[in-house]
């Protein structure tokens, strides 16, 4: 039996840009992607702490060490610049393996979006 479990979490980062005219996706600072074990094209869920919205999109790479968190396309209707969000991804694992799995959770500085 496979179950879905938390794989990666970037906890409490600030949206730096919301670009409605871009095709779609979320651009995440490359340093944050690496630290959270998230890759380009990976499906993520965005949990907006500020307004309670929840949405899904895919990841594109932002400039490394920039603190960039840019929500693009239609998702830009669901966030505003300076909203606090949580970014999560999940994986499917065998039930017994899932019991031992440890997700990668990072806590960047919510003012700068940089690792401390």
PDB file of N, CA and C in Angstrom:
ATOM      1  N   UNK A   1       0.847  -1.179   0.000  1.00  0.00           N
ATOM      2  CA  UNK A   1       0.000   0.000   0.000  1.00  0.00           C
ATOM      3  C   UNK A   1       0.890   1.240   0.000  1.00  0.00           C
ATOM      4  N   UNK A   2       0.573   2.187  -0.869  1.00  0.00           N
ATOM      5  CA  UNK A   2       1.277   3.462  -0.908  1.00  0.00           C
ATOM      6  C   UNK A   2       0.453   4.522  -0.186  1.00  0.00           C
ATOM      7  N   UNK A   3       1.153   5.388   0.540  1.00  0.00           N
ATOM      8  CA  UNK A   3       0.478   6.535   1.150  1.00  0.00           C
ATOM      9  C   UNK A   3       1.252   7.799   0.799  1.00  0.00           C
ATOM     10  N   UNK A   4       0.577   8.922   0.831  1.00  0.00           N
ATOM     11  CA  UNK A   4       1.200  10.203   0.518  1.00  0.00           C
ATOM     12  C   UNK A   4       1.638  10.867   1.813  1.00  0.00           C
ATOM     13  N   UNK A   5       2.912  11.273   1.856  1.00  0.00           N
ATOM     14  CA  UNK A   5       3.464  11.907   3.057  1.00  0.00           C
ATOM     15  C   UNK A   5       4.210  13.189   2.674  1.00  0.00           C
ATOM     16  N   UNK A   6       4.388  14.050   3.649  1.00  0.00           N
ATOM     17  CA  UNK A   6       5.142  15.286   3.452  1.00  0.00           C
ATOM     18  C   UNK A   6       6.579  14.945   3.066  1.00  0.00           C
ATOM     19  N   UNK A   7       7.063  15.550   1.971  1.00  0.00           N
ATOM     20  CA  UNK A   7       8.447  15.364   1.527  1.00  0.00           C
ATOM     21  C   UNK A   7       9.303  16.568   1.871  1.00  0.00           C
ATOM     22  N   UNK A   8       8.780  17.769   1.563  1.00  0.00           N
ATOM     23  CA  UNK A   8       9.551  19.002   1.722  1.00  0.00           C
ATOM     24  C   UNK A   8       8.641  20.120   2.206  1.00  0.00           C
ATOM     25  N   UNK A   9       9.229  21.022   3.001  1.00  0.00           N
ATOM     26  CA  UNK A   9       8.448  22.165   3.479  1.00  0.00           C
ATOM     27  C   UNK A   9       9.363  23.377   3.648  1.00  0.00           C
ATOM     28  N   UNK A  10       8.938  24.486   3.038  1.00  0.00           N
ATOM     29  CA  UNK A  10       9.590  25.782   3.263  1.00  0.00           C
ATOM     30  C   UNK A  10       8.594  26.574   4.097  1.00  0.00           C
ATOM     31  N   UNK A  11       8.921  26.783   5.358  1.00  0.00           N
ATOM     32  CA  UNK A  11       7.966  27.326   6.323  1.00  0.00           C
ATOM     33  C   UNK A  11       8.100  28.841   6.456  1.00  0.00           C
ATOM     34  N   UNK A  12       7.011  29.532   6.176  1.00  0.00           N
ATOM     35  CA  UNK A  12       6.877  30.978   6.393  1.00  0.00           C
ATOM     36  C   UNK A  12       7.897  31.814   5.622  1.00  0.00           C
ATOM     37  N   UNK A  13       7.652  31.931   4.320  1.00  0.00           N
ATOM     38  CA  UNK A  13       8.408  32.870   3.500  1.00  0.00           C
ATOM     39  C   UNK A  13       7.455  33.931   2.979  1.00  0.00           C
ATOM     40  N   UNK A  14       8.021  35.060   2.627  1.00  0.00           N
ATOM     41  CA  UNK A  14       7.226  36.190   2.160  1.00  0.00           C
ATOM     42  C   UNK A  14       7.200  36.213   0.633  1.00  0.00           C
ATOM     43  N   UNK A  15       6.023  36.421   0.059  1.00  0.00           N
ATOM     44  CA  UNK A  15       5.901  36.577  -1.388  1.00  0.00           C
ATOM     45  C   UNK A  15       6.571  37.889  -1.787  1.00  0.00           C
ATOM     46  N   UNK A  16       7.532  37.814  -2.717  1.00  0.00           N
ATOM     47  CA  UNK A  16       8.252  39.010  -3.152  1.00  0.00           C
ATOM     48  C   UNK A  16       7.671  39.617  -4.419  1.00  0.00           C
ATOM     49  N   UNK A  17       6.949  38.772  -5.190  1.00  0.00           N
ATOM     50  CA  UNK A  17       6.328  39.269  -6.418  1.00  0.00           C
ATOM     51  C   UNK A  17       5.163  38.353  -6.792  1.00  0.00           C
ATOM     52  N   UNK A  18       4.141  38.940  -7.404  1.00  0.00           N
ATOM     53  CA  UNK A  18       3.011  38.185  -7.942  1.00  0.00           C
ATOM     54  C   UNK A  18       2.802  38.692  -9.366  1.00  0.00           C
ATOM     55  N   UNK A  19       3.079  37.829 -10.345  1.00  0.00           N
ATOM     56  CA  UNK A  19       3.078  38.222 -11.748  1.00  0.00           C
ATOM     57  C   UNK A  19       1.959  37.510 -12.509  1.00  0.00           C
ATOM     58  N   UNK A  20       0.837  38.177 -12.635  1.00  0.00           N
ATOM     59  CA  UNK A  20      -0.342  37.616 -13.291  1.00  0.00           C
ATOM     60  C   UNK A  20      -0.090  37.288 -14.762  1.00  0.00           C
ATOM     61  N   UNK A  21       0.780  38.026 -15.432  1.00  0.00           N
ATOM     62  CA  UNK A  21       0.988  37.864 -16.866  1.00  0.00           C
ATOM     63  C   UNK A  21       1.991  36.775 -17.228  1.00  0.00           C
ATOM     64  N   UNK A  22       2.619  36.143 -16.230  1.00  0.00           N
ATOM     65  CA  UNK A  22       3.535  35.046 -16.508  1.00  0.00           C
ATOM     66  C   UNK A  22       2.717  33.772 -16.721  1.00  0.00           C
ATOM     67  N   UNK A  23       3.240  32.807 -17.438  1.00  0.00           N
ATOM     68  CA  UNK A  23       2.490  31.593 -17.804  1.00  0.00           C
ATOM     69  C   UNK A  23       1.961  30.833 -16.589  1.00  0.00           C
ATOM     70  N   UNK A  24       2.731  30.713 -15.551  1.00  0.00           N
ATOM     71  CA  UNK A  24       2.315  29.973 -14.362  1.00  0.00           C
ATOM     72  C   UNK A  24       3.521  29.568 -13.554  1.00  0.00           C
ATOM     73  N   UNK A  25       3.327  29.021 -12.378  1.00  0.00           N
ATOM     74  CA  UNK A  25       4.390  28.473 -11.544  1.00  0.00           C
ATOM     75  C   UNK A  25       4.687  29.337 -10.324  1.00  0.00           C
ATOM     76  N   UNK A  26       5.674  28.883  -9.548  1.00  0.00           N
ATOM     77  CA  UNK A  26       6.231  29.668  -8.457  1.00  0.00           C
ATOM     78  C   UNK A  26       7.746  29.625  -8.597  1.00  0.00           C
ATOM     79  N   UNK A  27       8.368  30.786  -8.631  1.00  0.00           N
ATOM     80  CA  UNK A  27       9.828  30.869  -8.662  1.00  0.00           C
ATOM     81  C   UNK A  27      10.314  30.926  -7.217  1.00  0.00           C
ATOM     82  N   UNK A  28      11.230  30.022  -6.888  1.00  0.00           N
ATOM     83  CA  UNK A  28      11.765  29.928  -5.530  1.00  0.00           C
ATOM     84  C   UNK A  28      13.278  30.080  -5.601  1.00  0.00           C
ATOM     85  N   UNK A  29      13.822  30.909  -4.730  1.00  0.00           N
ATOM     86  CA  UNK A  29      15.271  31.072  -4.588  1.00  0.00           C
ATOM     87  C   UNK A  29      15.937  29.692  -4.640  1.00  0.00           C
ATOM     88  N   UNK A  30      16.926  29.541  -5.519  1.00  0.00           N
ATOM     89  CA  UNK A  30      17.607  28.254  -5.708  1.00  0.00           C
ATOM     90  C   UNK A  30      18.176  27.716  -4.398  1.00  0.00           C
ATOM     91  N   UNK A  31      18.687  28.581  -3.538  1.00  0.00           N
ATOM     92  CA  UNK A  31      19.250  28.125  -2.258  1.00  0.00           C
ATOM     93  C   UNK A  31      18.169  27.476  -1.390  1.00  0.00           C
ATOM     94  N   UNK A  32      16.962  28.042  -1.410  1.00  0.00           N
ATOM     95  CA  UNK A  32      15.856  27.463  -0.649  1.00  0.00           C
ATOM     96  C   UNK A  32      15.420  26.138  -1.257  1.00  0.00           C
ATOM     97  N   UNK A  33      15.373  26.082  -2.595  1.00  0.00           N
ATOM     98  CA  UNK A  33      15.021  24.831  -3.261  1.00  0.00           C
ATOM     99  C   UNK A  33      15.983  23.718  -2.856  1.00  0.00           C
ATOM    100  N   UNK A  34      17.267  24.012  -2.923  1.00  0.00           N
ATOM    101  CA  UNK A  34      18.276  23.005  -2.582  1.00  0.00           C
ATOM    102  C   UNK A  34      18.149  22.569  -1.127  1.00  0.00           C
ATOM    103  N   UNK A  35      17.986  23.527  -0.238  1.00  0.00           N
ATOM    104  CA  UNK A  35      17.898  23.214   1.197  1.00  0.00           C
ATOM    105  C   UNK A  35      16.664  22.375   1.517  1.00  0.00           C
ATOM    106  N   UNK A  36      15.574  22.592   0.775  1.00  0.00           N
ATOM    107  CA  UNK A  36      14.322  21.876   1.031  1.00  0.00           C
ATOM    108  C   UNK A  36      14.175  20.616   0.178  1.00  0.00           C
ATOM    109  N   UNK A  37      15.174  20.350  -0.678  1.00  0.00           N
ATOM    110  CA  UNK A  37      15.130  19.164  -1.534  1.00  0.00           C
ATOM    111  C   UNK A  37      13.950  19.214  -2.516  1.00  0.00           C
ATOM    112  N   UNK A  38      13.769  20.390  -3.130  1.00  0.00           N
ATOM    113  CA  UNK A  38      12.725  20.610  -4.131  1.00  0.00           C
ATOM    114  C   UNK A  38      13.409  20.846  -5.474  1.00  0.00           C
ATOM    115  N   UNK A  39      12.852  20.267  -6.547  1.00  0.00           N
ATOM    116  CA  UNK A  39      13.477  20.400  -7.862  1.00  0.00           C
ATOM    117  C   UNK A  39      12.580  21.180  -8.833  1.00  0.00           C
ATOM    118  N   UNK A  40      13.203  21.619  -9.909  1.00  0.00           N
ATOM    119  CA  UNK A  40      12.485  22.312 -10.980  1.00  0.00           C
ATOM    120  C   UNK A  40      11.376  21.406 -11.512  1.00  0.00           C
ATOM    121  N   UNK A  41      10.200  21.967 -11.663  1.00  0.00           N
ATOM    122  CA  UNK A  41       9.063  21.230 -12.208  1.00  0.00           C
ATOM    123  C   UNK A  41       8.259  20.464 -11.180  1.00  0.00           C
ATOM    124  N   UNK A  42       8.745  20.404  -9.955  1.00  0.00           N
ATOM    125  CA  UNK A  42       8.035  19.642  -8.921  1.00  0.00           C
ATOM    126  C   UNK A  42       6.710  20.317  -8.561  1.00  0.00           C
ATOM    127  N   UNK A  43       5.694  19.518  -8.371  1.00  0.00           N
ATOM    128  CA  UNK A  43       4.390  20.019  -7.945  1.00  0.00           C
ATOM    129  C   UNK A  43       4.476  20.404  -6.472  1.00  0.00           C
ATOM    130  N   UNK A  44       3.993  21.598  -6.148  1.00  0.00           N
ATOM    131  CA  UNK A  44       3.972  22.063  -4.762  1.00  0.00           C
ATOM    132  C   UNK A  44       2.598  22.625  -4.429  1.00  0.00           C
ATOM    133  N   UNK A  45       2.331  22.638  -3.154  1.00  0.00           N
ATOM    134  CA  UNK A  45       1.126  23.275  -2.636  1.00  0.00           C
ATOM    135  C   UNK A  45       1.569  24.547  -1.925  1.00  0.00           C
ATOM    136  N   UNK A  46       0.843  25.618  -2.169  1.00  0.00           N
ATOM    137  CA  UNK A  46       1.112  26.894  -1.509  1.00  0.00           C
ATOM    138  C   UNK A  46      -0.001  27.137  -0.504  1.00  0.00           C
ATOM    139  N   UNK A  47       0.371  27.332   0.741  1.00  0.00           N
ATOM    140  CA  UNK A  47      -0.574  27.594   1.820  1.00  0.00           C
ATOM    141  C   UNK A  47      -0.371  29.036   2.254  1.00  0.00           C
ATOM    142  N   UNK A  48      -1.341  29.885   1.977  1.00  0.00           N
ATOM    143  CA  UNK A  48      -1.212  31.303   2.279  1.00  0.00           C
ATOM    144  C   UNK A  48      -1.652  31.561   3.714  1.00  0.00           C
ATOM    145  N   UNK A  49      -0.691  31.866   4.563  1.00  0.00           N
ATOM    146  CA  UNK A  49      -0.968  32.135   5.971  1.00  0.00           C
ATOM    147  C   UNK A  49      -1.783  33.420   6.113  1.00  0.00           C
ATOM    148  N   UNK A  50      -1.510  34.389   5.263  1.00  0.00           N
ATOM    149  CA  UNK A  50      -2.141  35.698   5.365  1.00  0.00           C
ATOM    150  C   UNK A  50      -3.644  35.647   5.087  1.00  0.00           C
ATOM    151  N   UNK A  51      -4.059  34.914   4.044  1.00  0.00           N
ATOM    152  CA  UNK A  51      -5.479  34.946   3.686  1.00  0.00           C
ATOM    153  C   UNK A  51      -6.165  33.574   3.659  1.00  0.00           C
ATOM    154  N   UNK A  52      -5.436  32.507   3.967  1.00  0.00           N
ATOM    155  CA  UNK A  52      -6.040  31.180   4.037  1.00  0.00           C
ATOM    156  C   UNK A  52      -6.166  30.446   2.711  1.00  0.00           C
ATOM    157  N   UNK A  53      -5.779  31.059   1.600  1.00  0.00           N
ATOM    158  CA  UNK A  53      -5.855  30.388   0.297  1.00  0.00           C
ATOM    159  C   UNK A  53      -4.903  29.198   0.243  1.00  0.00           C
ATOM    160  N   UNK A  54      -5.301  28.181  -0.511  1.00  0.00           N
ATOM    161  CA  UNK A  54      -4.467  27.009  -0.770  1.00  0.00           C
ATOM    162  C   UNK A  54      -4.511  26.749  -2.265  1.00  0.00           C
ATOM    163  N   UNK A  55      -3.362  26.519  -2.878  1.00  0.00           N
ATOM    164  CA  UNK A  55      -3.329  26.252  -4.305  1.00  0.00           C
ATOM    165  C   UNK A  55      -2.135  25.380  -4.647  1.00  0.00           C
ATOM    166  N   UNK A  56      -2.178  24.813  -5.846  1.00  0.00           N
ATOM    167  CA  UNK A  56      -1.091  23.972  -6.329  1.00  0.00           C
ATOM    168  C   UNK A  56      -0.524  24.561  -7.605  1.00  0.00           C
ATOM    169  N   UNK A  57       0.779  24.387  -7.788  1.00  0.00           N
ATOM    170  CA  UNK A  57       1.467  24.814  -9.002  1.00  0.00           C
ATOM    171  C   UNK A  57       2.755  24.016  -9.095  1.00  0.00           C
ATOM    172  N   UNK A  58       3.648  24.440  -9.981  1.00  0.00           N
ATOM    173  CA  UNK A  58       4.933  23.770 -10.121  1.00  0.00           C
ATOM    174  C   UNK A  58       6.056  24.784  -9.928  1.00  0.00           C
ATOM    175  N   UNK A  59       7.255  24.274  -9.682  1.00  0.00           N
ATOM    176  CA  UNK A  59       8.388  25.120  -9.303  1.00  0.00           C
ATOM    177  C   UNK A  59       9.267  25.460 -10.498  1.00  0.00           C
ATOM    178  N   UNK A  60       9.690  26.724 -10.556  1.00  0.00           N
ATOM    179  CA  UNK A  60      10.798  27.128 -11.417  1.00  0.00           C
ATOM    180  C   UNK A  60      11.861  27.726 -10.513  1.00  0.00           C
ATOM    181  N   UNK A  61      13.081  27.715 -11.006  1.00  0.00           N
ATOM    182  CA  UNK A  61      14.208  28.155 -10.184  1.00  0.00           C
ATOM    183  C   UNK A  61      14.352  29.673 -10.197  1.00  0.00           C
ATOM    184  N   UNK A  62      14.437  30.248  -8.992  1.00  0.00           N
ATOM    185  CA  UNK A  62      14.716  31.664  -8.847  1.00  0.00           C
ATOM    186  C   UNK A  62      16.204  31.888  -8.625  1.00  0.00           C
ATOM    187  N   UNK A  63      16.611  33.125  -8.669  1.00  0.00           N
ATOM    188  CA  UNK A  63      18.019  33.476  -8.490  1.00  0.00           C
ATOM    189  C   UNK A  63      18.504  33.041  -7.104  1.00  0.00           C
ATOM    190  N   UNK A  64      19.658  32.391  -7.087  1.00  0.00           N
ATOM    191  CA  UNK A  64      20.211  31.870  -5.842  1.00  0.00           C
ATOM    192  C   UNK A  64      20.544  32.986  -4.859  1.00  0.00           C
ATOM    193  N   UNK A  65      20.178  32.788  -3.609  1.00  0.00           N
ATOM    194  CA  UNK A  65      20.420  33.717  -2.492  1.00  0.00           C
ATOM    195  C   UNK A  65      19.745  35.076  -2.673  1.00  0.00           C
ATOM    196  N   UNK A  66      18.700  35.114  -3.474  1.00  0.00           N
ATOM    197  CA  UNK A  66      17.980  36.368  -3.720  1.00  0.00           C
ATOM    198  C   UNK A  66      16.803  36.561  -2.772  1.00  0.00           C
ATOM    199  N   UNK A  67      16.325  35.469  -2.169  1.00  0.00           N
ATOM    200  CA  UNK A  67      15.111  35.530  -1.364  1.00  0.00           C
ATOM    201  C   UNK A  67      13.851  35.557  -2.207  1.00  0.00           C
ATOM    202  N   UNK A  68      13.988  35.330  -3.508  1.00  0.00           N
ATOM    203  CA  UNK A  68      12.844  35.406  -4.426  1.00  0.00           C
ATOM    204  C   UNK A  68      11.798  34.332  -4.156  1.00  0.00           C
ATOM    205  N   UNK A  69      10.562  34.778  -4.028  1.00  0.00           N
ATOM    206  CA  UNK A  69       9.383  33.915  -3.992  1.00  0.00           C
ATOM    207  C   UNK A  69       8.343  34.615  -4.868  1.00  0.00           C
ATOM    208  N   UNK A  70       8.271  34.218  -6.142  1.00  0.00           N
ATOM    209  CA  UNK A  70       7.379  34.869  -7.095  1.00  0.00           C
ATOM    210  C   UNK A  70       6.274  33.905  -7.507  1.00  0.00           C
ATOM    211  N   UNK A  71       5.042  34.274  -7.238  1.00  0.00           N
ATOM    212  CA  UNK A  71       3.890  33.469  -7.633  1.00  0.00           C
ATOM    213  C   UNK A  71       3.391  34.011  -8.965  1.00  0.00           C
ATOM    214  N   UNK A  72       3.291  33.115  -9.955  1.00  0.00           N
ATOM    215  CA  UNK A  72       3.016  33.522 -11.328  1.00  0.00           C
ATOM    216  C   UNK A  72       1.675  33.009 -11.842  1.00  0.00           C
ATOM    217  N   UNK A  73       1.193  33.661 -12.895  1.00  0.00           N
ATOM    218  CA  UNK A  73      -0.005  33.219 -13.594  1.00  0.00           C
ATOM    219  C   UNK A  73      -1.258  33.378 -12.759  1.00  0.00           C
ATOM    220  N   UNK A  74      -2.268  32.539 -13.003  1.00  0.00           N
ATOM    221  CA  UNK A  74      -3.543  32.659 -12.298  1.00  0.00           C
ATOM    222  C   UNK A  74      -3.405  32.622 -10.773  1.00  0.00           C
ATOM    223  N   UNK A  75      -2.388  31.917 -10.283  1.00  0.00           N
ATOM    224  CA  UNK A  75      -2.178  31.838  -8.837  1.00  0.00           C
ATOM    225  C   UNK A  75      -1.905  33.216  -8.228  1.00  0.00           C
ATOM    226  N   UNK A  76      -1.451  34.151  -9.061  1.00  0.00           N
ATOM    227  CA  UNK A  76      -1.178  35.504  -8.572  1.00  0.00           C
ATOM    228  C   UNK A  76      -2.449  36.198  -8.070  1.00  0.00           C
ATOM    229  N   UNK A  77      -3.617  35.693  -8.460  1.00  0.00           N
ATOM    230  CA  UNK A  77      -4.877  36.218  -7.923  1.00  0.00           C
ATOM    231  C   UNK A  77      -5.066  35.831  -6.455  1.00  0.00           C
ATOM    232  N   UNK A  78      -4.361  34.790  -6.015  1.00  0.00           N
ATOM    233  CA  UNK A  78      -4.571  34.225  -4.682  1.00  0.00           C
ATOM    234  C   UNK A  78      -3.576  34.718  -3.644  1.00  0.00           C
ATOM    235  N   UNK A  79      -2.586  35.501  -4.077  1.00  0.00           N
ATOM    236  CA  UNK A  79      -1.567  36.020  -3.159  1.00  0.00           C
ATOM    237  C   UNK A  79      -1.302  37.487  -3.447  1.00  0.00           C
ATOM    238  N   UNK A  80      -0.743  38.144  -2.472  1.00  0.00           N
ATOM    239  CA  UNK A  80      -0.270  39.517  -2.624  1.00  0.00           C
ATOM    240  C   UNK A  80       1.181  39.568  -2.191  1.00  0.00           C
ATOM    241  N   UNK A  81       1.914  40.530  -2.730  1.00  0.00           N
ATOM    242  CA  UNK A  81       3.281  40.758  -2.267  1.00  0.00           C
ATOM    243  C   UNK A  81       3.233  40.977  -0.761  1.00  0.00           C
ATOM    244  N   UNK A  82       4.179  40.384  -0.057  1.00  0.00           N
ATOM    245  CA  UNK A  82       4.329  40.425   1.404  1.00  0.00           C
ATOM    246  C   UNK A  82       3.445  39.431   2.148  1.00  0.00           C
ATOM    247  N   UNK A  83       2.571  38.676   1.452  1.00  0.00           N
ATOM    248  CA  UNK A  83       1.848  37.599   2.132  1.00  0.00           C
ATOM    249  C   UNK A  83       2.851  36.569   2.634  1.00  0.00           C
ATOM    250  N   UNK A  84       2.583  36.008   3.790  1.00  0.00           N
ATOM    251  CA  UNK A  84       3.384  34.900   4.310  1.00  0.00           C
ATOM    252  C   UNK A  84       2.782  33.600   3.810  1.00  0.00           C
ATOM    253  N   UNK A  85       3.640  32.722   3.275  1.00  0.00           N
ATOM    254  CA  UNK A  85       3.169  31.447   2.751  1.00  0.00           C
ATOM    255  C   UNK A  85       4.034  30.302   3.270  1.00  0.00           C
ATOM    256  N   UNK A  86       3.489  29.108   3.146  1.00  0.00           N
ATOM    257  CA  UNK A  86       4.220  27.867   3.377  1.00  0.00           C
ATOM    258  C   UNK A  86       4.181  27.116   2.052  1.00  0.00           C
ATOM    259  N   UNK A  87       5.320  26.560   1.653  1.00  0.00           N
ATOM    260  CA  UNK A  87       5.404  25.800   0.407  1.00  0.00           C
ATOM    261  C   UNK A  87       5.687  24.344   0.788  1.00  0.00           C
ATOM    262  N   UNK A  88       4.841  23.421   0.331  1.00  0.00           N
ATOM    263  CA  UNK A  88       5.013  22.011   0.686  1.00  0.00           C
ATOM    264  C   UNK A  88       4.946  21.128  -0.564  1.00  0.00           C
ATOM    265  N   UNK A  89       5.640  20.001  -0.483  1.00  0.00           N
ATOM    266  CA  UNK A  89       5.502  18.966  -1.502  1.00  0.00           C
ATOM    267  C   UNK A  89       5.378  17.628  -0.798  1.00  0.00           C
ATOM    268  N   UNK A  90       4.829  16.677  -1.513  1.00  0.00           N
ATOM    269  CA  UNK A  90       4.534  15.362  -0.950  1.00  0.00           C
ATOM    270  C   UNK A  90       5.150  14.279  -1.825  1.00  0.00           C
ATOM    271  N   UNK A  91       5.272  13.098  -1.275  1.00  0.00           N
ATOM    272  CA  UNK A  91       5.722  11.935  -2.032  1.00  0.00           C
ATOM    273  C   UNK A  91       4.886  10.730  -1.648  1.00  0.00           C
ATOM    274  N   UNK A  92       4.853   9.745  -2.521  1.00  0.00           N
ATOM    275  CA  UNK A  92       4.146   8.493  -2.213  1.00  0.00           C
ATOM    276  C   UNK A  92       5.187   7.445  -1.842  1.00  0.00           C
ATOM    277  N   UNK A  93       4.949   6.800  -0.722  1.00  0.00           N
ATOM    278  CA  UNK A  93       5.864   5.771  -0.238  1.00  0.00           C
ATOM    279  C   UNK A  93       5.077   4.557   0.222  1.00  0.00           C
ATOM    280  N   UNK A  94       5.758   3.443   0.194  1.00  0.00           N
ATOM    281  CA  UNK A  94       5.204   2.248   0.812  1.00  0.00           C
ATOM    282  C   UNK A  94       4.938   2.555   2.283  1.00  0.00           C
ATOM    283  N   UNK A  95       3.853   2.026   2.803  1.00  0.00           N
ATOM    284  CA  UNK A  95       3.426   2.317   4.178  1.00  0.00           C
ATOM    285  C   UNK A  95       4.550   2.110   5.195  1.00  0.00           C
ATOM    286  N   UNK A  96       5.269   1.011   5.104  1.00  0.00           N
ATOM    287  CA  UNK A  96       6.335   0.724   6.074  1.00  0.00           C
ATOM    288  C   UNK A  96       7.514   1.681   5.906  1.00  0.00           C
ATOM    289  N   UNK A  97       7.865   2.008   4.673  1.00  0.00           N
ATOM    290  CA  UNK A  97       8.951   2.977   4.436  1.00  0.00           C
ATOM    291  C   UNK A  97       8.542   4.371   4.908  1.00  0.00           C
ATOM    292  N   UNK A  98       7.278   4.695   4.747  1.00  0.00           N
ATOM    293  CA  UNK A  98       6.776   6.008   5.166  1.00  0.00           C
ATOM    294  C   UNK A  98       6.936   6.212   6.671  1.00  0.00           C
ATOM    295  N   UNK A  99       6.847   5.141   7.423  1.00  0.00           N
ATOM    296  CA  UNK A  99       6.999   5.243   8.879  1.00  0.00           C
ATOM    297  C   UNK A  99       8.392   5.731   9.263  1.00  0.00           C
ATOM    298  N   UNK A 100       9.381   5.458   8.425  1.00  0.00           N
ATOM    299  CA  UNK A 100      10.771   5.824   8.709  1.00  0.00           C
ATOM    300  C   UNK A 100      11.224   7.092   7.994  1.00  0.00           C
ATOM    301  N   UNK A 101      10.428   7.539   7.043  1.00  0.00           N
ATOM    302  CA  UNK A 101      10.820   8.682   6.218  1.00  0.00           C
ATOM    303  C   UNK A 101      10.854   9.976   7.034  1.00  0.00           C
ATOM    304  N   UNK A 102      11.876  10.800   6.791  1.00  0.00           N
ATOM    305  CA  UNK A 102      12.007  12.109   7.447  1.00  0.00           C
ATOM    306  C   UNK A 102      11.926  13.203   6.384  1.00  0.00           C
ATOM    307  N   UNK A 103      10.901  14.050   6.428  1.00  0.00           N
ATOM    308  CA  UNK A 103      10.793  15.138   5.447  1.00  0.00           C
ATOM    309  C   UNK A 103      11.880  16.179   5.679  1.00  0.00           C
ATOM    310  N   UNK A 104      12.160  16.949   4.641  1.00  0.00           N
ATOM    311  CA  UNK A 104      13.119  18.051   4.727  1.00  0.00           C
ATOM    312  C   UNK A 104      12.317  19.327   4.973  1.00  0.00           C
ATOM    313  N   UNK A 105      12.469  19.907   6.154  1.00  0.00           N
ATOM    314  CA  UNK A 105      11.724  21.105   6.545  1.00  0.00           C
ATOM    315  C   UNK A 105      12.725  22.203   6.858  1.00  0.00           C
ATOM    316  N   UNK A 106      12.545  23.360   6.222  1.00  0.00           N
ATOM    317  CA  UNK A 106      13.440  24.488   6.484  1.00  0.00           C
ATOM    318  C   UNK A 106      12.649  25.687   6.980  1.00  0.00           C
ATOM    319  N   UNK A 107      13.322  26.526   7.736  1.00  0.00           N
ATOM    320  CA  UNK A 107      12.715  27.703   8.354  1.00  0.00           C
ATOM    321  C   UNK A 107      13.542  28.946   8.006  1.00  0.00           C
ATOM    322  N   UNK A 108      13.363  29.479   6.796  1.00  0.00           N
ATOM    323  CA  UNK A 108      14.104  30.698   6.426  1.00  0.00           C
ATOM    324  C   UNK A 108      13.645  31.882   7.285  1.00  0.00           C
ATOM    325  N   UNK A 109      14.448  32.932   7.273  1.00  0.00           N
ATOM    326  CA  UNK A 109      14.062  34.172   7.923  1.00  0.00           C
ATOM    327  C   UNK A 109      12.857  34.734   7.178  1.00  0.00           C
ATOM    328  N   UNK A 110      11.698  34.911   7.832  1.00  0.00           N
ATOM    329  CA  UNK A 110      10.498  35.348   7.115  1.00  0.00           C
ATOM    330  C   UNK A 110      10.554  36.799   6.619  1.00  0.00           C
ATOM    331  N   UNK A 111      11.536  37.566   7.068  1.00  0.00           N
ATOM    332  CA  UNK A 111      11.671  38.944   6.582  1.00  0.00           C
ATOM    333  C   UNK A 111      12.518  39.010   5.312  1.00  0.00           C
ATOM    334  N   UNK A 112      13.532  38.127   5.222  1.00  0.00           N
ATOM    335  CA  UNK A 112      14.455  38.162   4.085  1.00  0.00           C
ATOM    336  C   UNK A 112      14.324  36.962   3.166  1.00  0.00           C
ATOM    337  N   UNK A 113      13.624  35.920   3.612  1.00  0.00           N
ATOM    338  CA  UNK A 113      13.500  34.653   2.884  1.00  0.00           C
ATOM    339  C   UNK A 113      14.835  33.948   2.699  1.00  0.00           C
ATOM    340  N   UNK A 114      15.806  34.265   3.531  1.00  0.00           N
ATOM    341  CA  UNK A 114      17.118  33.645   3.402  1.00  0.00           C
ATOM    342  C   UNK A 114      17.356  32.704   4.582  1.00  0.00           C
ATOM    343  N   UNK A 115      18.196  31.714   4.313  1.00  0.00           N
ATOM    344  CA  UNK A 115      18.559  30.772   5.375  1.00  0.00           C
ATOM    345  C   UNK A 115      19.460  31.484   6.382  1.00  0.00           C
ATOM    346  N   UNK A 116      19.286  31.175   7.629  1.00  0.00           N
ATOM    347  CA  UNK A 116      20.114  31.837   8.643  1.00  0.00           C
ATOM    348  C   UNK A 116      21.183  30.915   9.173  1.00  0.00           C
TER     349      UNK A 116
END
